[in-house]
Amino acid sequence: MAGLTPSQTVGPFFHYALTDDHTVSELASPQTRGQRITLRGRVLDGEGRAVPDAMIEIWQADAEGRYDHPDDHQDRPRDPTFHGFGRCASDERGCYTFRTIKPGPVAGPGNTLQAPHILVNLFARGLLKQLVTRVYFAHEPLNDSDPVLGLVEDDGRRATLIANAEGDGSYVFDIHLGGASETVFFET
């Protein structure tokens, strides 16, 4: 009788299969309307070590708060030069970078207005399913009334969803997969 097959984790295959020829880390063209920003950070495991082979995907609205999606029927002009999707791999230090625009507020449930945010899907070794979170921006007035951000009642946990501004137009958003600083992830 043969022995049991040892367990295996999923990946790492994102660098090889999904990022080399499909990296989209520059989301805005010179014609794109809106405030140019850089979103950067690190992907870290539960012990604070870099995750060097994660794949980060982002999806966001344009500066007017519209998505480049056929189901977005808001009565606002859509920027035809902005598609709102990006994908890149983390490097050997767990770092990632996107150059994009700051999104506008978008319509939320029950005629509410959601604070400007960027949706994030994270794929990494050992995960059978992607992790989903959001990036909000520090000092954004609509953060206080955002219906999704408001679901996170603990201020310490809520802070894991906030990107902090740096003086050069950059926002820093580190993604912690576990530990005391674990990022809030949403069910899909």
C-alpha atoms as a PDB file:
ATOM      1  CA  MET A   1       0.000   0.000   0.000  1.00  0.00           C
ATOM      2  CA  ALA A   2       1.348   3.416  -0.982  1.00  0.00           C
ATOM      3  CA  GLY A   3       1.783   6.215   1.547  1.00  0.00           C
ATOM      4  CA  LEU A   4      -0.220   9.399   1.680  1.00  0.00           C
ATOM      5  CA  THR A   5       0.561  12.175  -0.762  1.00  0.00           C
ATOM      6  CA  PRO A   6       2.142  15.127   1.057  1.00  0.00           C
ATOM      7  CA  SER A   7       0.182  18.366   1.057  1.00  0.00           C
ATOM      8  CA  GLN A   8       1.209  21.174  -1.268  1.00  0.00           C
ATOM      9  CA  THR A   9       0.488  24.881  -1.288  1.00  0.00           C
ATOM     10  CA  VAL A  10      -0.882  26.646  -4.336  1.00  0.00           C
ATOM     11  CA  GLY A  11       1.718  28.513  -6.412  1.00  0.00           C
ATOM     12  CA  PRO A  12       3.920  30.412  -6.648  1.00  0.00           C
ATOM     13  CA  PHE A  13       3.010  30.789 -10.299  1.00  0.00           C
ATOM     14  CA  PHE A  14       1.602  34.306 -10.599  1.00  0.00           C
ATOM     15  CA  HIS A  15       4.868  35.877 -11.769  1.00  0.00           C
ATOM     16  CA  TYR A  16       5.209  33.320 -14.528  1.00  0.00           C
ATOM     17  CA  ALA A  17       1.661  32.991 -15.730  1.00  0.00           C
ATOM     18  CA  LEU A  18      -0.163  36.225 -15.040  1.00  0.00           C
ATOM     19  CA  THR A  19       2.166  39.168 -14.623  1.00  0.00           C
ATOM     20  CA  ASP A  20       5.079  38.974 -17.054  1.00  0.00           C
ATOM     21  CA  ASP A  21       3.100  39.890 -20.172  1.00  0.00           C
ATOM     22  CA  HIS A  22      -0.013  41.208 -18.418  1.00  0.00           C
ATOM     23  CA  THR A  23       1.346  43.818 -16.005  1.00  0.00           C
ATOM     24  CA  VAL A  24      -0.710  47.008 -16.019  1.00  0.00           C
ATOM     25  CA  SER A  25       0.774  49.243 -13.361  1.00  0.00           C
ATOM     26  CA  GLU A  26       0.331  52.521 -15.278  1.00  0.00           C
ATOM     27  CA  LEU A  27      -3.424  53.115 -15.360  1.00  0.00           C
ATOM     28  CA  ALA A  28      -3.585  56.749 -16.466  1.00  0.00           C
ATOM     29  CA  SER A  29      -2.653  58.084 -19.883  1.00  0.00           C
ATOM     30  CA  PRO A  30      -1.559  61.713 -20.419  1.00  0.00           C
ATOM     31  CA  GLN A  31      -5.151  62.497 -21.461  1.00  0.00           C
ATOM     32  CA  THR A  32      -6.768  60.979 -18.356  1.00  0.00           C
ATOM     33  CA  ARG A  33      -8.574  63.507 -16.175  1.00  0.00           C
ATOM     34  CA  GLY A  34      -7.934  63.645 -12.432  1.00  0.00           C
ATOM     35  CA  GLN A  35      -5.292  63.954  -9.743  1.00  0.00           C
ATOM     36  CA  ARG A  36      -2.277  61.754 -10.479  1.00  0.00           C
ATOM     37  CA  ILE A  37      -1.248  59.519  -7.582  1.00  0.00           C
ATOM     38  CA  THR A  38       1.076  56.630  -6.947  1.00  0.00           C
ATOM     39  CA  LEU A  39      -0.251  53.773  -4.832  1.00  0.00           C
ATOM     40  CA  ARG A  40       2.550  51.703  -3.406  1.00  0.00           C
ATOM     41  CA  GLY A  41       3.184  49.370  -0.540  1.00  0.00           C
ATOM     42  CA  ARG A  42       4.341  45.955   0.540  1.00  0.00           C
ATOM     43  CA  VAL A  43       2.678  42.573   0.875  1.00  0.00           C
ATOM     44  CA  LEU A  44       3.701  41.013   4.187  1.00  0.00           C
ATOM     45  CA  ASP A  45       2.937  37.679   5.822  1.00  0.00           C
ATOM     46  CA  GLY A  46       1.648  37.236   9.368  1.00  0.00           C
ATOM     47  CA  GLU A  47       5.148  37.553  10.792  1.00  0.00           C
ATOM     48  CA  GLY A  48       5.991  40.722   8.862  1.00  0.00           C
ATOM     49  CA  ARG A  49       8.114  39.023   6.197  1.00  0.00           C
ATOM     50  CA  ALA A  50       7.905  40.080   2.573  1.00  0.00           C
ATOM     51  CA  VAL A  51       5.738  38.024   0.216  1.00  0.00           C
ATOM     52  CA  PRO A  52       7.848  38.158  -2.958  1.00  0.00           C
ATOM     53  CA  ASP A  53       5.505  36.440  -5.368  1.00  0.00           C
ATOM     54  CA  ALA A  54       2.038  37.880  -4.816  1.00  0.00           C
ATOM     55  CA  MET A  55      -0.120  39.313  -7.567  1.00  0.00           C
ATOM     56  CA  ILE A  56      -2.084  42.461  -6.814  1.00  0.00           C
ATOM     57  CA  GLU A  57      -5.020  43.533  -8.984  1.00  0.00           C
ATOM     58  CA  ILE A  58      -6.843  46.827  -8.586  1.00  0.00           C
ATOM     59  CA  TRP A  59     -10.128  48.102  -9.969  1.00  0.00           C
ATOM     60  CA  GLN A  60     -11.302  51.674  -9.509  1.00  0.00           C
ATOM     61  CA  ALA A  61     -13.613  54.408 -10.705  1.00  0.00           C
ATOM     62  CA  ASP A  62     -12.420  57.392 -12.698  1.00  0.00           C
ATOM     63  CA  ALA A  63     -12.122  60.920 -11.275  1.00  0.00           C
ATOM     64  CA  GLU A  64     -15.885  61.421 -11.726  1.00  0.00           C
ATOM     65  CA  GLY A  65     -16.706  58.272  -9.776  1.00  0.00           C
ATOM     66  CA  ARG A  66     -17.674  56.125 -12.784  1.00  0.00           C
ATOM     67  CA  TYR A  67     -16.436  52.647 -13.572  1.00  0.00           C
ATOM     68  CA  ASP A  68     -15.540  51.554 -17.092  1.00  0.00           C
ATOM     69  CA  HIS A  69     -18.228  48.889 -16.967  1.00  0.00           C
ATOM     70  CA  PRO A  70     -21.463  48.478 -18.958  1.00  0.00           C
ATOM     71  CA  ASP A  71     -23.508  48.205 -15.744  1.00  0.00           C
ATOM     72  CA  ASP A  72     -22.415  51.649 -14.519  1.00  0.00           C
ATOM     73  CA  HIS A  73     -25.310  53.844 -15.642  1.00  0.00           C
ATOM     74  CA  GLN A  74     -24.628  56.872 -13.453  1.00  0.00           C
ATOM     75  CA  ASP A  75     -25.540  60.244 -14.884  1.00  0.00           C
ATOM     76  CA  ARG A  76     -21.951  61.496 -14.844  1.00  0.00           C
ATOM     77  CA  PRO A  77     -19.480  61.806 -17.694  1.00  0.00           C
ATOM     78  CA  ARG A  78     -17.164  58.808 -18.021  1.00  0.00           C
ATOM     79  CA  ASP A  79     -13.514  59.341 -18.906  1.00  0.00           C
ATOM     80  CA  PRO A  80     -12.958  57.263 -22.088  1.00  0.00           C
ATOM     81  CA  THR A  81      -9.175  57.313 -21.527  1.00  0.00           C
ATOM     82  CA  PHE A  82      -9.363  55.551 -18.166  1.00  0.00           C
ATOM     83  CA  HIS A  83     -10.229  51.875 -17.731  1.00  0.00           C
ATOM     84  CA  GLY A  84      -9.522  51.499 -14.012  1.00  0.00           C
ATOM     85  CA  PHE A  85      -7.874  48.053 -13.999  1.00  0.00           C
ATOM     86  CA  GLY A  86      -4.314  47.307 -12.961  1.00  0.00           C
ATOM     87  CA  ARG A  87      -2.219  44.241 -12.190  1.00  0.00           C
ATOM     88  CA  CYS A  88       1.322  43.789 -10.961  1.00  0.00           C
ATOM     89  CA  ALA A  89       3.482  41.382  -9.024  1.00  0.00           C
ATOM     90  CA  SER A  90       5.228  42.054  -5.742  1.00  0.00           C
ATOM     91  CA  ASP A  91       9.014  42.077  -5.986  1.00  0.00           C
ATOM     92  CA  GLU A  92      11.567  40.254  -3.824  1.00  0.00           C
ATOM     93  CA  ARG A  93      10.943  42.781  -0.994  1.00  0.00           C
ATOM     94  CA  GLY A  94       7.156  42.370  -1.290  1.00  0.00           C
ATOM     95  CA  CYS A  95       6.821  45.812  -2.912  1.00  0.00           C
ATOM     96  CA  TYR A  96       4.244  46.833  -5.511  1.00  0.00           C
ATOM     97  CA  THR A  97       3.499  50.144  -7.279  1.00  0.00           C
ATOM     98  CA  PHE A  98       0.610  51.506  -9.356  1.00  0.00           C
ATOM     99  CA  ARG A  99       0.490  54.917 -11.039  1.00  0.00           C
ATOM    100  CA  THR A 100      -3.097  55.992 -11.401  1.00  0.00           C
ATOM    101  CA  ILE A 101      -5.535  58.771 -10.486  1.00  0.00           C
ATOM    102  CA  LYS A 102      -7.425  59.356  -7.286  1.00  0.00           C
ATOM    103  CA  PRO A 103     -10.919  57.978  -7.873  1.00  0.00           C
ATOM    104  CA  GLY A 104     -14.021  60.052  -7.296  1.00  0.00           C
ATOM    105  CA  PRO A 105     -16.816  59.093  -4.886  1.00  0.00           C
ATOM    106  CA  VAL A 106     -19.152  56.398  -6.215  1.00  0.00           C
ATOM    107  CA  ALA A 107     -22.806  55.604  -5.641  1.00  0.00           C
ATOM    108  CA  GLY A 108     -23.415  53.172  -2.817  1.00  0.00           C
ATOM    109  CA  PRO A 109     -26.280  51.088  -1.452  1.00  0.00           C
ATOM    110  CA  GLY A 110     -29.484  52.917  -0.556  1.00  0.00           C
ATOM    111  CA  ASN A 111     -28.567  56.126  -2.409  1.00  0.00           C
ATOM    112  CA  THR A 112     -25.511  56.670  -0.216  1.00  0.00           C
ATOM    113  CA  LEU A 113     -22.228  58.006  -1.474  1.00  0.00           C
ATOM    114  CA  GLN A 114     -19.100  55.905  -0.998  1.00  0.00           C
ATOM    115  CA  ALA A 115     -15.780  57.544  -0.235  1.00  0.00           C
ATOM    116  CA  PRO A 116     -13.156  57.378  -2.971  1.00  0.00           C
ATOM    117  CA  HIS A 117     -11.576  53.937  -2.819  1.00  0.00           C
ATOM    118  CA  ILE A 118      -9.730  51.327  -4.847  1.00  0.00           C
ATOM    119  CA  LEU A 119     -10.777  47.671  -4.860  1.00  0.00           C
ATOM    120  CA  VAL A 120      -7.952  45.164  -4.377  1.00  0.00           C
ATOM    121  CA  ASN A 121      -7.710  41.464  -5.181  1.00  0.00           C
ATOM    122  CA  LEU A 122      -4.649  39.711  -3.825  1.00  0.00           C
ATOM    123  CA  PHE A 123      -3.412  36.346  -5.044  1.00  0.00           C
ATOM    124  CA  ALA A 124      -0.546  34.609  -3.250  1.00  0.00           C
ATOM    125  CA  ARG A 125       0.927  31.184  -2.628  1.00  0.00           C
ATOM    126  CA  GLY A 126      -1.017  29.110  -0.165  1.00  0.00           C
ATOM    127  CA  LEU A 127      -4.282  30.877  -0.951  1.00  0.00           C
ATOM    128  CA  LEU A 128      -6.923  28.822  -2.700  1.00  0.00           C
ATOM    129  CA  LYS A 129      -9.002  31.923  -3.339  1.00  0.00           C
ATOM    130  CA  GLN A 130      -8.002  35.564  -3.739  1.00  0.00           C
ATOM    131  CA  LEU A 131      -8.292  37.983  -0.835  1.00  0.00           C
ATOM    132  CA  VAL A 132     -10.442  41.067  -1.384  1.00  0.00           C
ATOM    133  CA  THR A 133     -10.029  44.416   0.333  1.00  0.00           C
ATOM    134  CA  ARG A 134     -10.320  48.141  -0.303  1.00  0.00           C
ATOM    135  CA  VAL A 135      -7.947  51.064  -0.153  1.00  0.00           C
ATOM    136  CA  TYR A 136      -9.398  54.285   1.257  1.00  0.00           C
ATOM    137  CA  PHE A 137      -7.505  57.570   1.459  1.00  0.00           C
ATOM    138  CA  ALA A 138      -6.499  59.262   4.719  1.00  0.00           C
ATOM    139  CA  HIS A 139      -8.306  62.512   5.594  1.00  0.00           C
ATOM    140  CA  GLU A 140     -11.041  61.945   3.012  1.00  0.00           C
ATOM    141  CA  PRO A 141     -14.229  63.627   4.354  1.00  0.00           C
ATOM    142  CA  LEU A 142     -16.535  60.880   3.018  1.00  0.00           C
ATOM    143  CA  ASN A 143     -14.676  58.163   4.983  1.00  0.00           C
ATOM    144  CA  ASP A 144     -16.813  58.945   8.037  1.00  0.00           C
ATOM    145  CA  SER A 145     -20.061  58.153   6.218  1.00  0.00           C
ATOM    146  CA  ASP A 146     -18.895  55.429   3.822  1.00  0.00           C
ATOM    147  CA  PRO A 147     -21.329  52.479   4.221  1.00  0.00           C
ATOM    148  CA  VAL A 148     -18.676  49.783   3.650  1.00  0.00           C
ATOM    149  CA  LEU A 149     -15.915  51.357   5.729  1.00  0.00           C
ATOM    150  CA  GLY A 150     -18.527  51.894   8.456  1.00  0.00           C
ATOM    151  CA  LEU A 151     -18.974  48.115   8.744  1.00  0.00           C
ATOM    152  CA  VAL A 152     -15.521  47.966  10.360  1.00  0.00           C
ATOM    153  CA  GLU A 153     -16.308  49.271  13.845  1.00  0.00           C
ATOM    154  CA  ASP A 154     -12.903  48.810  15.504  1.00  0.00           C
ATOM    155  CA  ASP A 155     -10.718  51.870  14.781  1.00  0.00           C
ATOM    156  CA  GLY A 156      -7.533  49.787  14.781  1.00  0.00           C
ATOM    157  CA  ARG A 157      -8.923  47.369  12.204  1.00  0.00           C
ATOM    158  CA  ARG A 158     -10.417  50.212  10.181  1.00  0.00           C
ATOM    159  CA  ALA A 159      -6.957  51.826   9.956  1.00  0.00           C
ATOM    160  CA  THR A 160      -5.749  48.779   7.977  1.00  0.00           C
ATOM    161  CA  LEU A 161      -7.903  50.007   5.068  1.00  0.00           C
ATOM    162  CA  ILE A 162      -6.464  53.536   4.955  1.00  0.00           C
ATOM    163  CA  ALA A 163      -3.624  54.574   2.638  1.00  0.00           C
ATOM    164  CA  ASN A 164      -1.486  57.335   4.082  1.00  0.00           C
ATOM    165  CA  ALA A 165      -0.333  60.224   1.912  1.00  0.00           C
ATOM    166  CA  GLU A 166       3.283  61.162   1.428  1.00  0.00           C
ATOM    167  CA  GLY A 167       4.393  64.584   0.228  1.00  0.00           C
ATOM    168  CA  ASP A 168       5.197  63.458  -3.307  1.00  0.00           C
ATOM    169  CA  GLY A 169       1.660  62.459  -4.362  1.00  0.00           C
ATOM    170  CA  SER A 170       2.180  58.884  -3.197  1.00  0.00           C
ATOM    171  CA  TYR A 171      -0.120  56.879  -0.975  1.00  0.00           C
ATOM    172  CA  VAL A 172       1.295  53.969   0.999  1.00  0.00           C
ATOM    173  CA  PHE A 173      -0.869  50.906   1.597  1.00  0.00           C
ATOM    174  CA  ASP A 174       0.786  47.838   3.087  1.00  0.00           C
ATOM    175  CA  ILE A 175      -1.160  44.573   2.914  1.00  0.00           C
ATOM    176  CA  HIS A 176      -0.687  42.306   5.943  1.00  0.00           C
ATOM    177  CA  LEU A 177      -1.878  38.727   5.412  1.00  0.00           C
ATOM    178  CA  GLY A 178      -2.037  37.986   9.146  1.00  0.00           C
ATOM    179  CA  GLY A 179      -0.744  38.957  12.563  1.00  0.00           C
ATOM    180  CA  ALA A 180      -1.576  41.936  14.761  1.00  0.00           C
ATOM    181  CA  SER A 181      -1.749  44.335  11.762  1.00  0.00           C
ATOM    182  CA  GLU A 182      -3.758  42.022   9.491  1.00  0.00           C
ATOM    183  CA  THR A 183      -5.566  43.927   6.765  1.00  0.00           C
ATOM    184  CA  VAL A 184      -9.353  43.698   6.806  1.00  0.00           C
ATOM    185  CA  PHE A 185     -10.448  41.354   4.005  1.00  0.00           C
ATOM    186  CA  PHE A 186     -14.020  41.072   2.742  1.00  0.00           C
ATOM    187  CA  GLU A 187     -16.011  37.986   1.856  1.00  0.00           C
ATOM    188  CA  THR A 188     -16.827  37.601  -1.816  1.00  0.00           C
END
